[in-house]
């Protein structure tokens, strides 16, 4: 799950569209969440895992809408 998340973050970082600010916000949230999972996996509750999953879904949609280069 973490590797997949980081791959999505990298894909989103290459977007060069008006939605970059939105993509950066999602990237920041994903990075914070995955950092928390890495630092203290036992402290992560179900709600956090659901939030990470939701963010991954949004990140995947953005990656599909804005492939490398930022073109739709």
C-alpha atoms as a PDB file:
ATOM      1  CA  UNK A   1       0.000   0.000   0.000  1.00  0.00           C
ATOM      2  CA  UNK A   2       2.775   2.471   0.837  1.00  0.00           C
ATOM      3  CA  UNK A   3       4.733   1.840  -2.376  1.00  0.00           C
ATOM      4  CA  UNK A   4       1.577   2.295  -4.458  1.00  0.00           C
ATOM      5  CA  UNK A   5       0.818   5.534  -2.629  1.00  0.00           C
ATOM      6  CA  UNK A   6       4.305   6.890  -3.227  1.00  0.00           C
ATOM      7  CA  UNK A   7       4.056   5.991  -6.935  1.00  0.00           C
ATOM      8  CA  UNK A   8       0.804   7.953  -7.163  1.00  0.00           C
ATOM      9  CA  UNK A   9       2.367  10.900  -5.374  1.00  0.00           C
ATOM     10  CA  UNK A  10       5.227  10.942  -7.868  1.00  0.00           C
ATOM     11  CA  UNK A  11       2.808  10.767 -10.800  1.00  0.00           C
ATOM     12  CA  UNK A  12       0.779  13.654  -9.426  1.00  0.00           C
ATOM     13  CA  UNK A  13       3.865  15.767  -8.879  1.00  0.00           C
ATOM     14  CA  UNK A  14       4.366  15.840 -12.645  1.00  0.00           C
ATOM     15  CA  UNK A  15       0.970  17.428 -13.346  1.00  0.00           C
ATOM     16  CA  UNK A  16       1.252  20.896 -14.824  1.00  0.00           C
ATOM     17  CA  UNK A  17      -2.349  21.995 -14.912  1.00  0.00           C
ATOM     18  CA  UNK A  18      -4.526  24.469 -13.044  1.00  0.00           C
ATOM     19  CA  UNK A  19      -5.251  21.713 -10.526  1.00  0.00           C
ATOM     20  CA  UNK A  20      -1.648  21.597  -9.319  1.00  0.00           C
ATOM     21  CA  UNK A  21      -2.556  23.198  -6.017  1.00  0.00           C
ATOM     22  CA  UNK A  22      -5.185  20.511  -5.420  1.00  0.00           C
ATOM     23  CA  UNK A  23      -2.686  17.798  -6.377  1.00  0.00           C
ATOM     24  CA  UNK A  24      -0.087  19.261  -3.998  1.00  0.00           C
ATOM     25  CA  UNK A  25      -2.621  19.302  -1.166  1.00  0.00           C
ATOM     26  CA  UNK A  26      -3.418  15.617  -1.749  1.00  0.00           C
ATOM     27  CA  UNK A  27       0.286  14.809  -2.020  1.00  0.00           C
ATOM     28  CA  UNK A  28       0.966  16.522   1.295  1.00  0.00           C
ATOM     29  CA  UNK A  29      -1.848  14.606   2.974  1.00  0.00           C
ATOM     30  CA  UNK A  30      -0.678  11.298   1.527  1.00  0.00           C
ATOM     31  CA  UNK A  31       2.908  11.936   2.578  1.00  0.00           C
ATOM     32  CA  UNK A  32       1.841  12.819   6.121  1.00  0.00           C
ATOM     33  CA  UNK A  33      -0.379   9.755   6.362  1.00  0.00           C
ATOM     34  CA  UNK A  34       2.229   7.356   4.991  1.00  0.00           C
ATOM     35  CA  UNK A  35       4.863   8.894   7.284  1.00  0.00           C
ATOM     36  CA  UNK A  36       2.585   8.243  10.265  1.00  0.00           C
ATOM     37  CA  UNK A  37       2.086   4.633   9.171  1.00  0.00           C
ATOM     38  CA  UNK A  38       5.836   4.132   8.829  1.00  0.00           C
ATOM     39  CA  UNK A  39       6.718   5.759  12.148  1.00  0.00           C
ATOM     40  CA  UNK A  40       4.099   4.070  14.328  1.00  0.00           C
ATOM     41  CA  UNK A  41       2.131   1.376  12.468  1.00  0.00           C
ATOM     42  CA  UNK A  42       0.470   0.108  15.637  1.00  0.00           C
ATOM     43  CA  UNK A  43      -1.026   3.543  16.363  1.00  0.00           C
ATOM     44  CA  UNK A  44      -2.834   3.769  13.035  1.00  0.00           C
ATOM     45  CA  UNK A  45      -6.559   3.216  13.445  1.00  0.00           C
ATOM     46  CA  UNK A  46      -9.168   2.110  10.916  1.00  0.00           C
ATOM     47  CA  UNK A  47     -10.284   5.687  10.249  1.00  0.00           C
ATOM     48  CA  UNK A  48      -6.747   6.635   9.224  1.00  0.00           C
ATOM     49  CA  UNK A  49      -6.527   3.667   6.873  1.00  0.00           C
ATOM     50  CA  UNK A  50      -9.877   4.608   5.322  1.00  0.00           C
ATOM     51  CA  UNK A  51      -8.666   8.197   4.862  1.00  0.00           C
ATOM     52  CA  UNK A  52      -5.472   6.973   3.188  1.00  0.00           C
ATOM     53  CA  UNK A  53      -7.520   4.736   0.919  1.00  0.00           C
ATOM     54  CA  UNK A  54      -9.824   7.634  -0.005  1.00  0.00           C
ATOM     55  CA  UNK A  55      -6.857   9.869  -0.786  1.00  0.00           C
ATOM     56  CA  UNK A  56      -5.346   7.114  -2.914  1.00  0.00           C
ATOM     57  CA  UNK A  57      -8.586   6.938  -4.876  1.00  0.00           C
ATOM     58  CA  UNK A  58      -8.590  10.677  -5.511  1.00  0.00           C
ATOM     59  CA  UNK A  59      -4.896  10.578  -6.408  1.00  0.00           C
ATOM     60  CA  UNK A  60      -5.541   7.760  -8.892  1.00  0.00           C
ATOM     61  CA  UNK A  61      -8.352   9.721 -10.558  1.00  0.00           C
ATOM     62  CA  UNK A  62      -6.136  12.812 -10.848  1.00  0.00           C
ATOM     63  CA  UNK A  63      -3.273  10.734 -12.246  1.00  0.00           C
ATOM     64  CA  UNK A  64      -5.615   9.367 -14.921  1.00  0.00           C
ATOM     65  CA  UNK A  65      -7.077  12.799 -15.717  1.00  0.00           C
ATOM     66  CA  UNK A  66      -3.686  14.480 -15.832  1.00  0.00           C
ATOM     67  CA  UNK A  67      -1.098  12.025 -17.104  1.00  0.00           C
ATOM     68  CA  UNK A  68       2.554  13.017 -17.250  1.00  0.00           C
ATOM     69  CA  UNK A  69       2.822  16.372 -18.931  1.00  0.00           C
ATOM     70  CA  UNK A  70      -0.478  17.634 -17.563  1.00  0.00           C
ATOM     71  CA  UNK A  71      -2.586  17.087 -20.688  1.00  0.00           C
ATOM     72  CA  UNK A  72      -6.107  15.749 -20.422  1.00  0.00           C
END
